[in-house]
């Protein structure tokens, strides 16, 4: 039987992995459970196909040596993944219904009947989500952003967090941030500069101030102002330096002093209230 032929046959047996379709005595092919429908294929096959039923199929594989023929019903129809690739450019906003969960994300059914995946990393810009059900429930209608469509793998990547701007985008190297120390470690202190976003101030960047023979170390609860020195948007990490801010401010004062005819000494300017 030629590859690509669309023909009819009779269902002779139904197995857990698919059904066998006979075209003529002694000639039959396998319609695998994944080849019946583009979505919910297993459930649709179980619901629709009965033994003895005549069914239209497409020949998608012929193994003459082993006398095996592979069949498909879904490939007679329009491929919704091709449609999705044309309609859902990256950045498109679409609504869907939450179908089920895995530890790595949630599956959402889109209008075409295909399912997209929201990976756990695409739920929130600032929060670490342990499980998708902490954010959404099965049956919820959600609005998501399409990140990419891959028809060849029958996959579509979706995101909840991209419905909002990335809060890390506004933090640039050189910008000044303020916050309270929320926790400390052996290497530095973390200041919360807005809800869910922290900046690390390493111990060697805490301040010019010395306390006796020890370097100044930030304490939990302390209010801090610092200058951003590094931003890693992908890994959601910000580093800042109190020392850098102090040094830059001192340089600015020195510059002002050098550029003006002032009766004040530099020391008076630095400590002037």
Protein backbone atom coordinates (compact mmCIF):
# COMPACT_ATOMS: atom_id res chain seq x y z
CA UNK A 1 0.00 0.00 0.00
CA UNK A 2 1.52 3.35 -1.02
CA UNK A 3 2.66 5.87 1.57
CA UNK A 4 0.20 8.76 1.96
CA UNK A 5 -2.81 6.81 0.68
CA UNK A 6 -6.12 7.63 2.37
CA UNK A 7 -8.35 4.58 2.48
CA UNK A 8 -10.97 2.76 4.54
CA UNK A 9 -10.73 -0.39 6.60
CA UNK A 10 -12.45 -2.34 9.35
CA UNK A 11 -11.40 -2.31 13.00
CA UNK A 12 -10.53 -5.91 13.91
CA UNK A 13 -9.16 -5.51 17.43
CA UNK A 14 -8.67 -2.83 20.08
CA UNK A 15 -5.57 -2.80 22.28
CA UNK A 16 -4.33 -0.41 24.98
CA UNK A 17 -1.76 1.00 22.55
CA UNK A 18 -4.06 1.33 19.53
CA UNK A 19 -6.35 -0.49 17.11
CA UNK A 20 -5.76 -2.83 14.17
CA UNK A 21 -7.51 -2.02 10.91
CA UNK A 22 -7.97 -4.63 8.16
CA UNK A 23 -8.11 -3.56 4.49
CA UNK A 24 -8.39 -6.99 2.93
CA UNK A 25 -7.97 -10.52 4.28
CA UNK A 26 -4.48 -10.84 5.74
CA UNK A 27 -3.59 -7.16 5.28
CA UNK A 28 -3.96 -4.88 8.29
CA UNK A 29 -2.26 -1.91 9.87
CA UNK A 30 -1.88 -0.37 13.33
CA UNK A 31 -3.53 2.90 14.24
CA UNK A 32 -1.46 3.90 17.29
CA UNK A 33 -3.30 5.60 20.13
CA UNK A 34 -1.31 8.81 19.53
CA UNK A 35 -2.39 8.98 15.86
CA UNK A 36 -6.15 9.22 16.28
CA UNK A 37 -6.58 12.88 17.27
CA UNK A 38 -4.43 15.99 17.69
CA UNK A 39 -5.59 16.42 21.31
CA UNK A 40 -6.84 13.96 23.95
CA UNK A 41 -6.11 11.23 21.44
CA UNK A 42 -6.32 8.30 23.84
CA UNK A 43 -9.65 9.35 25.31
CA UNK A 44 -11.08 10.16 21.86
CA UNK A 45 -10.02 6.78 20.43
CA UNK A 46 -11.54 4.90 23.33
CA UNK A 47 -14.76 6.91 23.04
CA UNK A 48 -15.21 6.86 19.26
CA UNK A 49 -13.82 3.61 17.88
CA UNK A 50 -15.53 0.22 18.17
CA UNK A 51 -14.65 -3.27 16.91
CA UNK A 52 -16.19 -3.97 13.50
CA UNK A 53 -16.45 -0.26 12.67
CA UNK A 54 -15.37 1.02 9.26
CA UNK A 55 -12.81 3.80 9.61
CA UNK A 56 -10.94 6.13 7.25
CA UNK A 57 -7.18 6.21 7.75
CA UNK A 58 -3.99 7.49 6.14
CA UNK A 59 -0.96 5.27 5.47
CA UNK A 60 2.00 6.96 7.23
CA UNK A 61 4.48 4.07 7.35
CA UNK A 62 5.17 0.84 5.46
CA UNK A 63 7.72 -1.71 6.68
CA UNK A 64 7.77 -4.34 3.93
CA UNK A 65 10.45 -6.45 5.58
CA UNK A 66 8.47 -6.86 8.81
CA UNK A 67 5.09 -6.59 7.07
CA UNK A 68 3.92 -3.68 9.20
CA UNK A 69 1.74 -0.74 8.21
CA UNK A 70 1.35 2.40 10.35
CA UNK A 71 -1.88 4.37 10.16
CA UNK A 72 -3.17 7.77 11.18
CA UNK A 73 -6.55 9.46 11.40
CA UNK A 74 -5.40 12.82 12.70
CA UNK A 75 -3.12 13.44 9.71
CA UNK A 76 -6.11 13.48 7.40
CA UNK A 77 -7.23 16.59 9.26
CA UNK A 78 -5.67 20.06 9.44
CA UNK A 79 -2.73 20.08 11.82
CA UNK A 80 -3.64 22.53 14.61
CA UNK A 81 0.05 22.89 15.45
CA UNK A 82 0.70 24.39 12.01
CA UNK A 83 -2.21 26.77 12.60
CA UNK A 84 -0.86 27.66 16.03
CA UNK A 85 2.56 28.42 14.56
CA UNK A 86 0.96 30.87 12.12
CA UNK A 87 -1.39 32.51 14.61
CA UNK A 88 0.65 32.60 17.82
CA UNK A 89 3.76 34.66 17.31
CA UNK A 90 5.97 35.01 20.41
CA UNK A 91 4.42 37.68 22.64
CA UNK A 92 0.82 36.88 21.68
CA UNK A 93 -1.62 36.95 24.60
CA UNK A 94 -4.12 34.08 24.65
CA UNK A 95 -6.67 32.60 27.06
CA UNK A 96 -6.85 28.94 27.99
CA UNK A 97 -8.14 26.53 30.61
CA UNK A 98 -5.85 24.75 33.08
CA UNK A 99 -6.05 21.00 32.40
CA UNK A 100 -3.57 19.26 34.67
CA UNK A 101 -0.32 19.60 36.56
CA UNK A 102 3.14 18.14 36.75
CA UNK A 103 5.88 19.08 39.20
CA UNK A 104 7.59 21.04 36.40
CA UNK A 105 4.56 23.05 35.32
CA UNK A 106 0.91 23.27 34.25
CA UNK A 107 -0.80 22.28 31.00
CA UNK A 108 -3.28 24.74 29.52
CA UNK A 109 -5.76 23.90 26.75
CA UNK A 110 -5.95 26.59 24.07
CA UNK A 111 -8.89 27.35 21.73
CA UNK A 112 -7.59 25.00 18.99
CA UNK A 113 -7.74 22.09 21.44
CA UNK A 114 -3.97 21.81 21.78
CA UNK A 115 -2.22 22.07 25.11
CA UNK A 116 0.56 24.48 26.03
CA UNK A 117 2.92 24.25 28.98
CA UNK A 118 3.62 26.90 31.60
CA UNK A 119 6.88 25.84 33.17
CA UNK A 120 7.31 26.44 36.90
CA UNK A 121 9.99 29.05 36.15
CA UNK A 122 7.47 31.09 34.14
CA UNK A 123 4.94 31.63 36.92
CA UNK A 124 6.54 34.58 38.69
CA UNK A 125 9.39 37.04 38.21
CA UNK A 126 10.12 37.32 41.92
CA UNK A 127 8.70 34.29 43.75
CA UNK A 128 10.05 30.77 43.81
CA UNK A 129 6.99 28.59 43.17
CA UNK A 130 7.17 25.11 44.69
CA UNK A 131 4.21 23.71 42.75
CA UNK A 132 1.87 25.19 40.09
CA UNK A 133 -1.22 24.54 42.24
CA UNK A 134 0.04 27.18 44.66
CA UNK A 135 -0.84 29.75 41.96
CA UNK A 136 -3.60 28.30 39.76
CA UNK A 137 -6.20 25.53 39.98
CA UNK A 138 -7.46 22.92 37.54
CA UNK A 139 -10.32 24.40 35.50
CA UNK A 140 -9.14 28.00 35.91
CA UNK A 141 -9.24 30.21 32.84
CA UNK A 142 -5.90 31.96 32.58
CA UNK A 143 -4.44 34.61 30.33
CA UNK A 144 -0.92 33.81 29.24
CA UNK A 145 1.80 34.98 26.86
CA UNK A 146 3.08 32.70 24.09
CA UNK A 147 6.86 32.27 24.30
CA UNK A 148 7.22 29.94 21.32
CA UNK A 149 5.47 27.32 19.17
CA UNK A 150 7.30 24.18 17.99
CA UNK A 151 5.05 22.24 15.57
CA UNK A 152 7.67 19.57 14.93
CA UNK A 153 7.59 18.60 18.62
CA UNK A 154 3.92 19.50 19.12
CA UNK A 155 4.86 21.91 21.90
CA UNK A 156 3.87 25.44 22.79
CA UNK A 157 5.56 27.32 25.62
CA UNK A 158 3.46 29.72 27.69
CA UNK A 159 4.12 32.18 30.49
CA UNK A 160 2.12 33.78 33.28
CA UNK A 161 4.89 36.07 34.47
CA UNK A 162 5.29 37.73 31.07
CA UNK A 163 1.82 39.23 31.50
CA UNK A 164 3.66 41.76 33.69
CA UNK A 165 6.87 43.70 32.97
CA UNK A 166 10.03 42.15 34.34
CA UNK A 167 10.72 44.18 37.53
CA UNK A 168 14.44 43.48 37.21
CA UNK A 169 14.59 45.47 33.95
CA UNK A 170 14.42 48.79 35.77
CA UNK A 171 17.53 48.11 37.84
CA UNK A 172 20.65 49.21 36.00
CA UNK A 173 24.30 49.24 37.02
CA UNK A 174 24.94 52.61 38.66
CA UNK A 175 21.39 53.17 39.91
CA UNK A 176 20.87 53.83 43.61
CA UNK A 177 18.66 51.51 45.66
CA UNK A 178 17.33 51.65 49.18
CA UNK A 179 16.03 48.93 51.46
CA UNK A 180 16.18 47.08 54.73
CA UNK A 181 18.49 44.16 55.50
CA UNK A 182 16.22 41.10 55.64
CA UNK A 183 18.88 38.43 56.13
CA UNK A 184 22.62 38.02 56.43
CA UNK A 185 25.20 35.38 55.64
CA UNK A 186 28.91 34.84 56.11
CA UNK A 187 29.64 36.68 52.85
CA UNK A 188 27.20 39.57 53.03
CA UNK A 189 23.72 40.95 53.60
CA UNK A 190 20.55 40.88 51.50
CA UNK A 191 18.50 44.06 51.35
CA UNK A 192 14.90 44.01 50.12
CA UNK A 193 14.63 46.84 47.61
CA UNK A 194 11.01 46.05 46.73
CA UNK A 195 8.59 43.21 47.47
CA UNK A 196 10.24 39.98 46.37
CA UNK A 197 13.44 41.58 45.07
CA UNK A 198 16.68 41.57 47.02
CA UNK A 199 20.13 42.97 46.41
CA UNK A 200 23.27 41.44 47.86
CA UNK A 201 25.78 43.70 49.55
CA UNK A 202 28.96 41.71 50.13
CA UNK A 203 30.82 42.30 53.39
CA UNK A 204 33.76 43.94 51.62
CA UNK A 205 31.36 46.43 50.03
CA UNK A 206 29.42 47.35 53.14
CA UNK A 207 31.12 50.67 53.94
CA UNK A 208 34.31 52.67 54.26
CA UNK A 209 33.60 52.86 57.97
CA UNK A 210 35.83 50.77 60.21
CA UNK A 211 34.84 49.65 63.70
CA UNK A 212 38.10 49.30 65.54
CA UNK A 213 40.12 46.65 63.76
CA UNK A 214 37.03 45.09 62.13
CA UNK A 215 35.35 45.88 58.84
CA UNK A 216 31.83 47.25 59.10
CA UNK A 217 29.20 44.52 58.62
CA UNK A 218 25.51 45.20 57.91
CA UNK A 219 22.99 43.99 60.48
CA UNK A 220 19.50 42.57 59.98
CA UNK A 221 16.87 45.32 60.12
CA UNK A 222 19.35 48.06 59.15
CA UNK A 223 18.22 50.58 56.52
CA UNK A 224 20.68 50.67 53.62
CA UNK A 225 21.34 52.85 50.60
CA UNK A 226 23.71 51.46 47.97
CA UNK A 227 24.72 51.64 44.32
CA UNK A 228 23.93 48.72 41.95
CA UNK A 229 27.13 47.10 40.65
CA UNK A 230 25.78 43.99 38.90
CA UNK A 231 22.44 42.83 37.48
CA UNK A 232 21.81 39.26 36.32
CA UNK A 233 18.24 39.36 34.99
CA UNK A 234 18.16 35.72 33.89
CA UNK A 235 19.13 34.41 37.33
CA UNK A 236 17.29 37.21 39.18
CA UNK A 237 20.36 38.46 41.03
CA UNK A 238 21.37 42.00 41.93
CA UNK A 239 24.54 43.09 43.70
CA UNK A 240 25.07 46.51 45.23
CA UNK A 241 27.76 48.38 47.10
CA UNK A 242 27.49 50.86 49.95
CA UNK A 243 31.20 51.56 49.59
CA UNK A 244 30.80 52.43 45.89
CA UNK A 245 28.00 54.89 46.68
CA UNK A 246 30.03 56.54 49.44
CA UNK A 247 33.11 56.79 47.21
CA UNK A 248 31.15 58.32 44.33
CA UNK A 249 29.51 60.85 46.60
CA UNK A 250 32.87 61.82 48.08
CA UNK A 251 34.31 62.27 44.57
CA UNK A 252 31.39 64.50 43.67
CA UNK A 253 31.98 66.65 46.75
CA UNK A 254 35.67 66.95 45.92
CA UNK A 255 34.76 67.92 42.36
CA UNK A 256 32.35 70.57 43.61
CA UNK A 257 35.00 71.93 45.98
CA UNK A 258 37.61 72.07 43.22
CA UNK A 259 35.25 73.91 40.87
CA UNK A 260 34.14 76.66 43.21
CA UNK A 261 35.69 79.54 45.07
CA UNK A 262 34.57 78.49 48.52
CA UNK A 263 35.49 79.75 51.97
CA UNK A 264 34.89 76.24 53.31
CA UNK A 265 37.58 73.61 53.66
CA UNK A 266 37.02 70.17 52.15
CA UNK A 267 36.64 68.69 55.61
CA UNK A 268 33.92 71.20 56.46
CA UNK A 269 32.08 70.32 53.24
CA UNK A 270 32.22 66.58 53.89
CA UNK A 271 30.76 66.86 57.35
CA UNK A 272 28.39 69.74 56.72
CA UNK A 273 24.78 68.94 57.64
